[in-house]
Amino acid sequence: MTEHAERISPSEVAAWLRRHPDFLATYPDLALTLAPPRQEGSATSLASYQLDVLRDKNRELNRRLHELFATAQENERLAVRTHQLALTLMRQRSAADTVRAMVACLGEDFQGDQVSVVLYHPVPGLGNEPWLQVIAAGAAELAPFTQFMSDGEPLCGRLHSDKQQRLFGESHTQIQSSALMAIPERGLLAVGSRDANRFFPGMGTLFLHLMAQSLAAALARYDGE
């Protein structure tokens, strides 16, 4: 039995105790012999140590709960803004006004410092807007976006310099983070910020995807005009 006991590892003992949480109730005298962790210069009873552990877990759970609540609030705000954007786009009376409304919304409601729109085909009523470029889908200028257009998923963060310069022109060095969206079968849409933390890799892109789809659907009403 002694040899077998020597082969039992501390992790096995810990696992067994987790499966038998009432062990100390059956053998209360062992609670007096256990040596819980001590802070320097003070003695700690098992009961107080357990209480400290529970308090730490409670603080961590509260912190995570606050984070989830803050995320839920932000998602609710984004959902409302995305819905309002869709309604605004559908109220426009021309394709040109629809694109202008999208640009205005991204700059105002979504805190964009600079917006860039790349369309594969001209839109009547749009021409000299500083945020607009009309470039055919297969043009060499769009080569840096080939993989992005193939994936179709929004990108967030600091874009590669060739993409950033194509989208934002001379002021591309001022843009520290961007959100890039594909407008299905129509082009590209980007919003840039001088804040490096405004758009970052790993952030949720669902609402960006929905906004791009809303713009594509709103523009489809004017096809053939």
Protein backbone atom coordinates (compact mmCIF):
# COMPACT_ATOMS: atom_id res chain seq x y z
CA MET A 1 0.00 0.00 0.00
CA THR A 2 2.88 2.34 0.79
CA GLU A 3 4.43 1.90 -2.64
CA HIS A 4 1.04 2.54 -4.30
CA ALA A 5 0.53 5.69 -2.21
CA GLU A 6 3.92 7.02 -3.26
CA ARG A 7 2.88 6.69 -6.90
CA ILE A 8 -0.18 8.94 -6.42
CA SER A 9 0.52 12.41 -7.80
CA PRO A 10 -0.74 15.67 -6.22
CA SER A 11 -2.98 16.23 -9.26
CA GLU A 12 -4.65 12.87 -8.67
CA VAL A 13 -5.27 13.76 -5.03
CA ALA A 14 -6.74 17.11 -6.08
CA ALA A 15 -8.96 15.42 -8.68
CA TRP A 16 -10.22 12.92 -6.13
CA LEU A 17 -11.04 15.67 -3.62
CA ARG A 18 -12.99 17.56 -6.28
CA ARG A 19 -15.09 14.44 -6.81
CA HIS A 20 -15.64 14.13 -3.04
CA PRO A 21 -16.28 17.68 -1.77
CA ASP A 22 -17.74 16.31 1.51
CA PHE A 23 -14.50 14.59 2.47
CA LEU A 24 -13.66 17.05 5.26
CA ALA A 25 -17.16 16.69 6.67
CA THR A 26 -16.43 12.98 7.13
CA TYR A 27 -12.92 13.59 8.50
CA PRO A 28 -13.10 17.04 10.17
CA ASP A 29 -9.83 16.51 12.04
CA LEU A 30 -7.93 16.77 8.74
CA ALA A 31 -9.04 20.37 8.35
CA LEU A 32 -6.87 21.19 11.35
CA THR A 33 -3.78 19.65 9.78
CA LEU A 34 -4.08 21.12 6.27
CA ALA A 35 -1.80 24.06 5.52
CA PRO A 36 -3.54 26.59 3.28
CA PRO A 37 -1.47 29.24 1.44
CA ARG A 38 -0.19 32.03 3.67
CA GLN A 39 0.47 35.66 3.01
CA GLU A 40 3.81 36.87 4.24
CA GLY A 41 3.71 37.82 7.89
CA SER A 42 0.24 36.39 8.63
CA ALA A 43 -1.46 33.07 9.34
CA THR A 44 -4.50 31.99 7.35
CA SER A 45 -7.18 29.57 8.46
CA LEU A 46 -8.73 27.18 5.96
CA ALA A 47 -12.12 28.85 6.34
CA SER A 48 -10.77 32.35 5.73
CA TYR A 49 -8.73 31.11 2.79
CA GLN A 50 -11.83 29.53 1.24
CA LEU A 51 -13.71 32.78 1.80
CA ASP A 52 -10.96 34.74 0.06
CA VAL A 53 -11.07 32.36 -2.89
CA LEU A 54 -14.84 32.74 -3.16
CA ARG A 55 -14.53 36.52 -3.00
CA ASP A 56 -11.96 36.50 -5.81
CA LYS A 57 -14.21 34.32 -7.95
CA ASN A 58 -17.15 36.60 -7.23
CA ARG A 59 -15.16 39.66 -8.27
CA GLU A 60 -14.09 37.94 -11.49
CA LEU A 61 -17.67 36.90 -12.26
CA ASN A 62 -18.88 40.46 -11.64
CA ARG A 63 -16.18 41.82 -13.94
CA ARG A 64 -17.16 39.43 -16.71
CA LEU A 65 -20.84 40.23 -16.19
CA HIS A 66 -20.15 43.96 -16.57
CA GLU A 67 -18.18 43.27 -19.75
CA LEU A 68 -21.04 41.22 -21.20
CA PHE A 69 -23.54 43.93 -20.25
CA ALA A 70 -21.40 46.62 -21.91
CA THR A 71 -21.08 44.48 -25.05
CA ALA A 72 -24.85 43.90 -25.12
CA GLN A 73 -25.47 47.65 -24.84
CA GLU A 74 -23.04 48.40 -27.67
CA ASN A 75 -24.63 45.72 -29.87
CA GLU A 76 -28.05 47.21 -29.18
CA ARG A 77 -26.84 50.67 -30.20
CA LEU A 78 -25.31 49.26 -33.38
CA ALA A 79 -28.49 47.35 -34.20
CA VAL A 80 -30.54 50.55 -33.87
CA ARG A 81 -28.09 52.53 -36.01
CA THR A 82 -28.00 49.82 -38.68
CA HIS A 83 -31.79 49.73 -38.79
CA GLN A 84 -31.98 53.52 -39.05
CA LEU A 85 -29.40 53.44 -41.83
CA ALA A 86 -31.43 50.91 -43.81
CA LEU A 87 -34.54 53.06 -43.47
CA THR A 88 -32.63 56.17 -44.53
CA LEU A 89 -31.26 54.45 -47.63
CA MET A 90 -34.68 53.18 -48.66
CA ARG A 91 -36.15 56.69 -48.39
CA GLN A 92 -33.76 58.15 -50.98
CA ARG A 93 -35.15 59.01 -54.41
CA SER A 94 -32.09 58.27 -56.56
CA ALA A 95 -28.98 56.11 -56.63
CA ALA A 96 -26.80 59.20 -56.17
CA ASP A 97 -28.73 60.30 -53.09
CA THR A 98 -28.52 56.75 -51.73
CA VAL A 99 -24.72 56.73 -51.93
CA ARG A 100 -24.51 60.22 -50.43
CA ALA A 101 -26.73 59.16 -47.54
CA MET A 102 -24.49 56.17 -46.87
CA VAL A 103 -21.37 58.33 -46.81
CA ALA A 104 -22.99 60.88 -44.50
CA CYS A 105 -24.14 58.16 -42.11
CA LEU A 106 -20.70 56.55 -41.88
CA GLY A 107 -19.10 59.90 -41.21
CA GLU A 108 -21.60 61.09 -38.62
CA ASP A 109 -23.29 58.16 -36.89
CA PHE A 110 -20.39 55.72 -37.09
CA GLN A 111 -17.63 58.23 -36.22
CA GLY A 112 -15.65 57.96 -39.42
CA ASP A 113 -13.02 60.61 -40.15
CA GLN A 114 -12.86 59.75 -43.84
CA VAL A 115 -15.07 57.65 -46.09
CA SER A 116 -14.10 56.15 -49.44
CA VAL A 117 -16.43 54.61 -52.03
CA VAL A 118 -15.20 52.63 -55.03
CA LEU A 119 -17.89 51.80 -57.59
CA TYR A 120 -17.43 49.50 -60.58
CA HIS A 121 -19.84 51.55 -62.68
CA PRO A 122 -20.73 55.27 -62.78
CA VAL A 123 -23.83 56.41 -60.96
CA PRO A 124 -25.86 59.22 -62.57
CA GLY A 125 -25.60 62.34 -60.44
CA LEU A 126 -22.23 61.47 -58.95
CA GLY A 127 -18.96 62.69 -60.41
CA ASN A 128 -16.63 65.00 -58.54
CA GLU A 129 -17.22 63.87 -54.98
CA PRO A 130 -13.85 63.65 -53.14
CA TRP A 131 -14.80 60.34 -51.57
CA LEU A 132 -15.75 58.60 -54.84
CA GLN A 133 -13.72 56.55 -57.33
CA VAL A 134 -15.16 54.72 -60.32
CA ILE A 135 -12.92 51.77 -61.23
CA ALA A 136 -13.89 48.75 -63.31
CA ALA A 137 -13.99 45.49 -61.37
CA GLY A 138 -11.07 43.90 -63.28
CA ALA A 139 -8.86 46.98 -63.35
CA ALA A 140 -5.23 46.75 -62.22
CA GLU A 141 -5.87 49.45 -59.61
CA LEU A 142 -7.98 46.98 -57.65
CA ALA A 143 -5.44 44.15 -57.73
CA PRO A 144 -4.57 44.62 -54.02
CA PHE A 145 -8.22 43.88 -53.18
CA THR A 146 -8.53 40.65 -55.18
CA GLN A 147 -8.46 38.33 -52.18
CA PHE A 148 -10.71 40.61 -50.17
CA MET A 149 -13.32 40.76 -52.92
CA SER A 150 -13.16 36.99 -53.28
CA ASP A 151 -13.76 36.44 -49.54
CA GLY A 152 -16.42 39.13 -49.28
CA GLU A 153 -15.94 39.50 -45.52
CA PRO A 154 -15.35 42.93 -43.91
CA LEU A 155 -11.83 43.79 -42.78
CA CYS A 156 -10.99 45.85 -39.71
CA GLY A 157 -7.69 47.29 -38.52
CA ARG A 158 -4.81 49.04 -40.23
CA LEU A 159 -4.90 48.18 -43.90
CA HIS A 160 -1.84 47.41 -45.98
CA SER A 161 -0.27 50.57 -47.40
CA ASP A 162 -1.24 49.82 -51.02
CA LYS A 163 -4.90 49.38 -50.06
CA GLN A 164 -4.86 52.41 -47.80
CA GLN A 165 -3.33 54.69 -50.42
CA ARG A 166 -5.80 53.55 -53.09
CA LEU A 167 -8.77 54.20 -50.80
CA PHE A 168 -7.77 57.40 -49.01
CA GLY A 169 -5.37 59.07 -51.43
CA GLU A 170 -3.02 61.75 -50.16
CA SER A 171 -4.45 61.67 -46.65
CA HIS A 172 -3.90 57.92 -46.22
CA THR A 173 -1.07 58.49 -43.73
CA GLN A 174 -3.52 60.12 -41.31
CA ILE A 175 -5.76 57.05 -41.21
CA GLN A 176 -4.72 54.77 -38.36
CA SER A 177 -7.52 52.18 -38.58
CA SER A 178 -10.18 51.30 -41.11
CA ALA A 179 -13.23 49.17 -41.78
CA LEU A 180 -13.44 47.83 -45.33
CA MET A 181 -16.66 46.40 -46.76
CA ALA A 182 -17.55 44.84 -50.10
CA ILE A 183 -20.71 46.14 -51.74
CA PRO A 184 -21.97 42.98 -53.46
CA GLU A 185 -21.39 43.23 -57.25
CA ARG A 186 -21.00 47.00 -57.02
CA GLY A 187 -17.72 47.97 -55.39
CA LEU A 188 -15.98 48.74 -52.14
CA LEU A 189 -16.77 50.90 -49.16
CA ALA A 190 -14.28 51.99 -46.50
CA VAL A 191 -14.46 54.18 -43.42
CA GLY A 192 -11.22 55.35 -41.84
CA SER A 193 -10.37 56.80 -38.46
CA ARG A 194 -7.43 58.70 -37.01
CA ASP A 195 -7.89 56.62 -33.87
CA ALA A 196 -5.80 53.44 -34.08
CA ASN A 197 -8.22 51.68 -31.72
CA ARG A 198 -11.44 52.59 -33.52
CA PHE A 199 -11.35 49.58 -35.83
CA PHE A 200 -9.27 46.54 -34.91
CA PRO A 201 -8.79 42.94 -36.10
CA GLY A 202 -11.11 40.57 -34.31
CA MET A 203 -13.92 43.06 -33.73
CA GLY A 204 -17.39 41.95 -34.74
CA THR A 205 -18.14 42.55 -38.41
CA LEU A 206 -21.78 41.45 -38.57
CA PHE A 207 -23.15 45.01 -38.60
CA LEU A 208 -20.62 46.09 -41.24
CA HIS A 209 -21.78 43.21 -43.42
CA LEU A 210 -25.43 44.20 -42.91
CA MET A 211 -24.71 47.83 -43.81
CA ALA A 212 -23.02 46.86 -47.05
CA GLN A 213 -25.93 44.59 -47.95
CA SER A 214 -28.40 47.39 -47.16
CA LEU A 215 -26.58 49.71 -49.55
CA ALA A 216 -26.52 47.08 -52.31
CA ALA A 217 -30.26 46.42 -51.88
CA ALA A 218 -31.09 50.12 -51.89
CA LEU A 219 -29.07 50.72 -55.08
CA ALA A 220 -30.68 47.74 -56.81
CA ARG A 221 -33.93 49.71 -57.02
CA TYR A 222 -32.37 51.99 -59.63
CA ASP A 223 -30.81 49.37 -61.89
CA GLY A 224 -31.69 50.00 -65.50
CA GLU A 225 -32.48 53.69 -65.08
